Structures are given as C-alpha cells and as structure tokens.
Amino acid sequence: MTALQYTEAKHRQLSVFDGNIAHMSTLWSIYALKYAERNSRTRADSFLEDDHPAAPHGMDYFVWLLDSGERKILVDTGYDETEGLRRGRPILRDPATALNALGVSAEEIDTVIISHLHYDHAGGLTRYPNARFHVQATELSFATGPCMCDPSLRAPYTAEHVCHMVRHIFAGRVTFYKGDGEIAPGVTVHQIGGHSKGLQSVLVMTSSGPICLASDAAHYYENFHSRKLFPIVVDREEMLAGFSRIVELAGDAARVIPGHDPLVRERYPSFGRSGFVWKLA
C-alpha cells in the first residue's frame, strides 16, 4: 500500500490509488451496448485540420459491460432521454435498461467505472442504486473547478451529472484514483487525459489477450492510427501521448476499442437477438 492509498474501512468515505497494480489473472468477456447515434456529423466534428472536413462522419454511443462469470462491471453510464432531448441528440434506448438484453439489471451492478464526466459517459449516475463509482481524482477537480467558468470547456459537462457524483461522494460510494489503479483482478484503469483532464481508459484481461477500452482517449480508430486530434481537447500534448499509451497498454493496436467508432460494429460479432449488443472478447 502506498502512502496515497486509503483502505476502505467503515469510517472512511473514499479511496485513492497511486500506481500499484496487482497481478492480473481473472479473464473477462466484454460487451458493447449501443444506445445512441449521430449521423448528421461531418469529419470536421471528428478531426482537427482534416483534409475533407465536409464529408459525412457518423458517431455511435456505447456503454460497456465486463463479465467474469462471477462478477459484472459497467464502464460508463451513457445519457438518458431527457439529456438527449435537451441537447438535440435523442437516444435509441435507455442504457440502464439496455443491460436487460444481457440478462442484467441496473440494480445488480455494484461497480461502475466512469471514464470521464462528460454528459454522454456519466449521464446515468442515479440509475445504479447499489453501485460504487470509480473515477480519477483529477476529473472531479477539473469538473468542479475554475475551468468550468469557460463555456467551451464546460460544454461537454452537465452540471446535474457532476452534482450526482458529488452526492455519491458524500454517500461514501466513490473511489478515486491518481493515475493507474486496479478495479478488480484483470481490470485496471489508466489516466490518459487530453480530451478531458481526468479521462481514464480501461484495460481488461480476456481470453484473447488484453483489450484496452479507450473511451474518448480515441473516439475513432483513425484518431490513434493517424494521430488525428479530436476537436474537443483540453491538452493536445496529452491527447497525442494518449494515442501511444492506449496501444502500449493493449500491446497491439488491434486490441484497442475506440469510444465512438461505428466500425466497432463491423469488426466484432453481434451478440444475442437485441440488435444493439456486440461481443468484443
């Protein structure tokens, strides 16, 4: 245990981890659940300084379920119908109820990893009454700090979502990380930054090797393959470094899963009969 780690005792409200990763042995299956899409976008919405900025470029929205056979972990919570209508970005289905396609209810989820607090990744924090939430300390500092006075930095956040996380902190339901940390054997988080200050990607051990759920460290395969910056960026240097880091974590670029790329649905098999679930490993 490092000096920065606080064990979870009854009188403690949160934990902070700093870089000690236990040996990863448990193998997990990974499922991507699509809950929304935006097909009216262009490449200018996806890549800075692109050669064909007016060309159409769609976006898919996912949450991810990790299943070891004995335990299930949710990565991100998506956003709900109300948020979709407010932003003019309607959902196809509620992310919390979409889990039913895998025989899982929101009440069963006891662990939720939040990659970052943007509206489309942390818009369902009240839907998992029995969950503990795992997030980078830097992300909470950023989302509640002076940077939120700037309209452009504030735009991807929704104040009520951030307030939900703060309420969970006061209820003793949040674990904070500084950098790398272990969620469970075979599941670790790694702070990447760039897109938001406290963005974290998730490394998952599977039967086919390590898989990196990049989340928004790379929205699309093209971001990290061609090193093209996504337009919502708080630190260009960190975003570029993150492209290399997610490949390093996975050990192979083919084992990196971008956060919003419709190509994921072409590269991985569909699962079940719902039409919105894909098995990644």
Protein backbone atom coordinates (compact mmCIF):
# COMPACT_ATOMS: atom_id res chain seq x y z
CA MET A 1 0.00 0.00 0.00
CA THR A 2 1.35 3.42 -0.91
CA ALA A 3 1.14 6.49 1.26
CA LEU A 4 -1.57 7.83 -1.02
CA GLN A 5 -3.82 4.79 -0.71
CA TYR A 6 -6.61 4.76 1.85
CA THR A 7 -8.16 1.41 2.66
CA GLU A 8 -11.91 1.13 2.65
CA ALA A 9 -12.92 0.99 6.29
CA LYS A 10 -16.32 1.81 7.73
CA HIS A 11 -15.23 5.25 8.88
CA ARG A 12 -13.67 6.16 5.50
CA GLN A 13 -15.58 7.73 2.64
CA LEU A 14 -13.22 7.32 -0.32
CA SER A 15 -10.08 5.62 -1.54
CA VAL A 16 -7.20 6.96 -3.62
CA PHE A 17 -4.84 4.63 -5.52
CA ASP A 18 -1.48 5.60 -6.95
CA GLY A 19 0.13 3.17 -9.36
CA ASN A 20 0.23 -0.20 -7.58
CA ILE A 21 -1.38 -2.70 -9.98
CA ALA A 22 -1.90 -6.24 -8.71
CA HIS A 23 -1.19 -9.26 -10.92
CA MET A 24 -4.00 -9.63 -13.43
CA SER A 25 -5.31 -13.18 -13.66
CA THR A 26 -9.11 -13.17 -14.00
CA LEU A 27 -10.36 -13.29 -17.59
CA TRP A 28 -13.34 -11.20 -18.65
CA SER A 29 -15.80 -11.06 -21.52
CA ILE A 30 -16.59 -7.58 -22.90
CA TYR A 31 -19.88 -6.44 -24.42
CA ALA A 32 -20.53 -3.12 -26.18
CA LEU A 33 -24.11 -1.85 -25.95
CA LYS A 34 -25.07 0.88 -28.40
CA TYR A 35 -27.64 3.35 -27.06
CA ALA A 36 -27.47 6.33 -29.44
CA GLU A 37 -26.05 7.58 -32.72
CA ARG A 38 -25.46 10.86 -34.56
CA ASN A 39 -25.23 10.53 -38.30
CA SER A 40 -25.56 14.21 -39.24
CA ARG A 41 -21.95 14.94 -38.29
CA THR A 42 -19.02 15.70 -40.62
CA ARG A 43 -15.32 14.92 -40.42
CA ALA A 44 -14.75 18.43 -39.10
CA ASP A 45 -16.63 17.32 -35.98
CA SER A 46 -14.24 14.39 -35.54
CA PHE A 47 -10.78 15.54 -36.61
CA LEU A 48 -8.84 18.78 -36.37
CA GLU A 49 -7.26 20.02 -39.62
CA ASP A 50 -8.82 17.26 -41.71
CA ASP A 51 -8.38 17.21 -45.49
CA HIS A 52 -12.09 16.56 -46.12
CA PRO A 53 -13.90 18.44 -43.33
CA ALA A 54 -17.32 18.47 -45.02
CA ALA A 55 -17.51 14.72 -45.60
CA PRO A 56 -20.15 12.87 -43.51
CA HIS A 57 -18.84 11.13 -40.41
CA GLY A 58 -21.21 9.33 -38.06
CA MET A 59 -20.80 8.60 -34.36
CA ASP A 60 -22.08 5.76 -32.19
CA TYR A 61 -22.58 5.91 -28.42
CA PHE A 62 -21.83 2.88 -26.25
CA VAL A 63 -21.63 1.64 -22.71
CA TRP A 64 -19.61 -1.49 -21.97
CA LEU A 65 -20.28 -4.46 -19.70
CA LEU A 66 -17.44 -6.61 -18.35
CA ASP A 67 -18.38 -10.12 -17.22
CA SER A 68 -16.06 -12.58 -15.47
CA GLY A 69 -18.79 -15.14 -14.92
CA GLU A 70 -18.84 -14.30 -11.23
CA ARG A 71 -18.86 -10.51 -11.38
CA LYS A 72 -20.12 -7.79 -13.70
CA ILE A 73 -18.65 -4.29 -14.09
CA LEU A 74 -20.19 -1.45 -16.08
CA VAL A 75 -17.98 1.03 -17.91
CA ASP A 76 -19.76 4.40 -18.27
CA THR A 77 -23.48 5.07 -17.93
CA GLY A 78 -24.35 6.99 -21.11
CA TYR A 79 -27.12 9.61 -21.01
CA ASP A 80 -30.88 9.45 -20.73
CA GLU A 81 -33.82 10.63 -22.83
CA THR A 82 -34.13 13.96 -21.02
CA GLU A 83 -30.49 14.85 -21.65
CA GLY A 84 -30.79 13.73 -25.26
CA LEU A 85 -33.75 15.99 -25.88
CA ARG A 86 -32.04 18.92 -24.14
CA ARG A 87 -29.01 18.58 -26.41
CA GLY A 88 -30.96 17.63 -29.54
CA ARG A 89 -29.29 14.20 -29.51
CA PRO A 90 -32.05 11.64 -28.86
CA ILE A 91 -31.22 8.18 -27.62
CA LEU A 92 -32.27 4.94 -29.28
CA ARG A 93 -32.72 3.16 -25.96
CA ASP A 94 -32.10 3.75 -22.27
CA PRO A 95 -28.59 2.50 -21.38
CA ALA A 96 -29.68 1.22 -17.97
CA THR A 97 -32.49 -0.91 -19.38
CA ALA A 98 -30.39 -1.97 -22.39
CA LEU A 99 -28.49 -4.17 -19.94
CA ASN A 100 -31.56 -6.39 -19.81
CA ALA A 101 -30.51 -7.74 -23.22
CA LEU A 102 -27.64 -9.43 -21.38
CA GLY A 103 -29.86 -10.64 -18.55
CA VAL A 104 -28.54 -7.94 -16.21
CA SER A 105 -30.49 -5.33 -14.28
CA ALA A 106 -29.21 -1.93 -13.17
CA GLU A 107 -29.80 -2.99 -9.55
CA GLU A 108 -27.34 -5.88 -9.95
CA ILE A 109 -24.44 -3.61 -10.92
CA ASP A 110 -22.17 -2.99 -7.94
CA THR A 111 -19.19 -1.47 -9.78
CA VAL A 112 -19.27 1.35 -12.33
CA ILE A 113 -16.12 2.77 -13.93
CA ILE A 114 -16.60 6.34 -15.18
CA SER A 115 -14.07 7.12 -17.89
CA HIS A 116 -14.79 10.84 -17.52
CA LEU A 117 -17.67 13.10 -16.56
CA HIS A 118 -18.82 14.30 -19.99
CA TYR A 119 -22.60 14.09 -20.38
CA ASP A 120 -22.53 11.05 -22.69
CA HIS A 121 -20.42 8.97 -20.31
CA ALA A 122 -21.79 9.97 -16.90
CA GLY A 123 -25.42 10.86 -17.53
CA GLY A 124 -26.93 7.92 -15.67
CA LEU A 125 -25.27 8.06 -12.27
CA THR A 126 -28.56 7.77 -10.39
CA ARG A 127 -29.65 4.61 -12.21
CA TYR A 128 -27.42 2.16 -10.29
CA PRO A 129 -28.54 2.26 -6.65
CA ASN A 130 -26.13 -0.45 -5.43
CA ALA A 131 -23.03 0.63 -7.32
CA ARG A 132 -19.74 2.10 -6.26
CA PHE A 133 -18.27 4.53 -8.77
CA HIS A 134 -14.60 4.66 -9.82
CA VAL A 135 -13.19 7.88 -11.26
CA GLN A 136 -9.94 9.82 -11.49
CA ALA A 137 -9.47 12.48 -8.80
CA THR A 138 -8.23 14.88 -11.49
CA GLU A 139 -11.54 14.60 -13.33
CA LEU A 140 -13.58 15.68 -10.31
CA SER A 141 -11.19 18.56 -9.67
CA PHE A 142 -11.49 19.68 -13.28
CA ALA A 143 -15.27 19.34 -13.47
CA THR A 144 -15.83 21.32 -10.28
CA GLY A 145 -13.00 23.84 -10.65
CA PRO A 146 -12.41 27.24 -12.25
CA CYS A 147 -12.07 25.78 -15.75
CA MET A 148 -15.85 25.31 -15.74
CA CYS A 149 -16.18 29.10 -15.95
CA ASP A 150 -15.10 28.80 -19.59
CA PRO A 151 -18.11 28.00 -21.83
CA SER A 152 -16.14 25.85 -24.27
CA LEU A 153 -14.59 23.69 -21.54
CA ARG A 154 -17.92 23.46 -19.73
CA ALA A 155 -19.97 22.48 -22.78
CA PRO A 156 -19.45 18.67 -22.66
CA TYR A 157 -20.39 18.59 -18.96
CA THR A 158 -23.86 18.75 -17.44
CA ALA A 159 -23.96 20.36 -14.00
CA GLU A 160 -26.58 17.97 -12.63
CA HIS A 161 -24.48 14.95 -13.59
CA VAL A 162 -21.48 16.37 -11.75
CA CYS A 163 -23.72 17.08 -8.76
CA HIS A 164 -24.87 13.46 -8.80
CA MET A 165 -21.25 12.36 -8.48
CA VAL A 166 -20.66 14.79 -5.62
CA ARG A 167 -23.70 13.36 -3.83
CA HIS A 168 -22.29 9.86 -4.31
CA ILE A 169 -19.04 11.05 -2.73
CA PHE A 170 -20.89 12.26 0.34
CA ALA A 171 -22.75 8.93 0.45
CA GLY A 172 -19.44 7.07 0.54
CA ARG A 173 -19.91 5.48 -2.88
CA VAL A 174 -16.90 6.78 -4.85
CA THR A 175 -13.34 5.53 -5.18
CA PHE A 176 -10.83 8.00 -6.59
CA TYR A 177 -7.64 7.12 -8.45
CA LYS A 178 -4.45 9.02 -9.20
CA GLY A 179 -3.09 7.58 -12.43
CA ASP A 180 -3.23 3.78 -12.61
CA GLY A 181 -5.36 1.59 -10.38
CA GLU A 182 -6.88 -1.87 -10.11
CA ILE A 183 -10.66 -2.20 -10.08
CA ALA A 184 -10.66 -6.00 -9.89
CA PRO A 185 -8.21 -8.76 -10.87
CA GLY A 186 -7.89 -8.38 -14.64
CA VAL A 187 -9.42 -4.87 -14.80
CA THR A 188 -7.30 -1.75 -14.40
CA VAL A 189 -7.76 1.96 -15.12
CA HIS A 190 -5.15 4.31 -16.56
CA GLN A 191 -5.34 8.09 -16.66
CA ILE A 192 -4.84 9.35 -20.20
CA GLY A 193 -6.07 12.95 -20.21
CA GLY A 194 -6.18 15.08 -23.35
CA HIS A 195 -9.90 15.04 -24.12
CA SER A 196 -10.64 15.90 -20.50
CA LYS A 197 -8.12 16.37 -17.70
CA GLY A 198 -9.04 13.18 -15.86
CA LEU A 199 -10.02 10.86 -18.68
CA GLN A 200 -9.18 7.22 -17.94
CA SER A 201 -9.08 4.19 -20.22
CA VAL A 202 -9.78 0.65 -19.02
CA LEU A 203 -7.51 -2.34 -19.60
CA VAL A 204 -9.29 -5.69 -19.46
CA MET A 205 -7.70 -9.15 -19.50
CA THR A 206 -9.60 -11.51 -21.80
CA SER A 207 -9.11 -14.98 -23.26
CA SER A 208 -7.77 -13.30 -26.42
CA GLY A 209 -5.32 -11.08 -24.54
CA PRO A 210 -5.53 -7.59 -23.06
CA ILE A 211 -8.17 -5.28 -24.51
CA CYS A 212 -7.99 -1.51 -24.00
CA LEU A 213 -11.36 0.22 -23.82
CA ALA A 214 -10.04 3.62 -24.82
CA SER A 215 -13.28 5.50 -24.26
CA ASP A 216 -12.59 9.03 -25.50
CA ALA A 217 -8.82 8.70 -25.46
CA ALA A 218 -9.64 7.81 -29.07
CA HIS A 219 -13.15 8.38 -30.37
CA TYR A 220 -12.30 6.62 -33.65
CA TYR A 221 -9.71 4.17 -34.91
CA GLU A 222 -8.45 6.95 -37.16
CA ASN A 223 -7.62 9.15 -34.18
CA PHE A 224 -4.84 6.89 -32.94
CA HIS A 225 -3.89 5.19 -36.21
CA SER A 226 -3.33 8.53 -37.98
CA ARG A 227 -2.68 10.60 -34.83
CA LYS A 228 -5.52 12.98 -35.62
CA LEU A 229 -6.74 15.11 -32.73
CA PHE A 230 -10.41 15.14 -31.79
CA PRO A 231 -11.74 18.74 -31.70
CA ILE A 232 -12.78 18.63 -28.03
CA VAL A 233 -9.34 18.73 -26.45
CA VAL A 234 -8.10 20.39 -23.28
CA ASP A 235 -4.47 19.34 -23.79
CA ARG A 236 -3.13 18.47 -27.24
CA GLU A 237 0.12 17.03 -25.93
CA GLU A 238 -1.73 14.69 -23.56
CA MET A 239 -4.11 13.58 -26.30
CA LEU A 240 -1.24 12.72 -28.65
CA ALA A 241 0.61 10.91 -25.88
CA GLY A 242 -2.60 9.08 -25.10
CA PHE A 243 -2.77 7.63 -28.62
CA SER A 244 0.55 5.90 -27.96
CA ARG A 245 -0.36 4.93 -24.41
CA ILE A 246 -3.56 3.04 -25.28
CA VAL A 247 -1.69 0.96 -27.87
CA GLU A 248 1.09 0.31 -25.36
CA LEU A 249 -1.44 -0.84 -22.78
CA ALA A 250 -3.16 -3.23 -25.20
CA GLY A 251 0.14 -4.46 -26.63
CA ASP A 252 -1.34 -4.31 -30.14
CA ALA A 253 -3.33 -1.59 -31.90
CA ALA A 254 -5.82 -4.26 -32.99
CA ARG A 255 -6.80 -4.73 -29.33
CA VAL A 256 -7.77 -1.07 -28.77
CA ILE A 257 -11.51 -0.28 -28.78
CA PRO A 258 -12.29 3.38 -29.58
CA GLY A 259 -15.15 5.05 -27.76
CA HIS A 260 -17.50 6.06 -30.57
CA ASP A 261 -16.49 4.42 -33.84
CA PRO A 262 -19.28 2.72 -35.87
CA LEU A 263 -16.56 0.45 -37.27
CA VAL A 264 -16.61 -1.43 -33.96
CA ARG A 265 -19.92 -2.94 -35.10
CA GLU A 266 -18.28 -4.19 -38.29
CA ARG A 267 -15.17 -5.62 -36.66
CA TYR A 268 -16.85 -7.56 -33.86
CA PRO A 269 -19.73 -10.05 -33.89
CA SER A 270 -23.20 -9.13 -32.74
CA PHE A 271 -24.41 -10.92 -29.64
CA GLY A 272 -27.90 -12.18 -28.95
CA ARG A 273 -31.05 -11.02 -30.71
CA SER A 274 -31.36 -7.42 -29.50
CA GLY A 275 -29.53 -5.88 -32.45
CA PHE A 276 -27.58 -3.48 -30.23
CA VAL A 277 -25.03 -5.67 -28.43
CA TRP A 278 -21.60 -6.70 -29.75
CA LYS A 279 -19.15 -9.08 -28.09
CA LEU A 280 -15.63 -7.64 -28.09
CA ALA A 281 -13.93 -10.53 -26.31
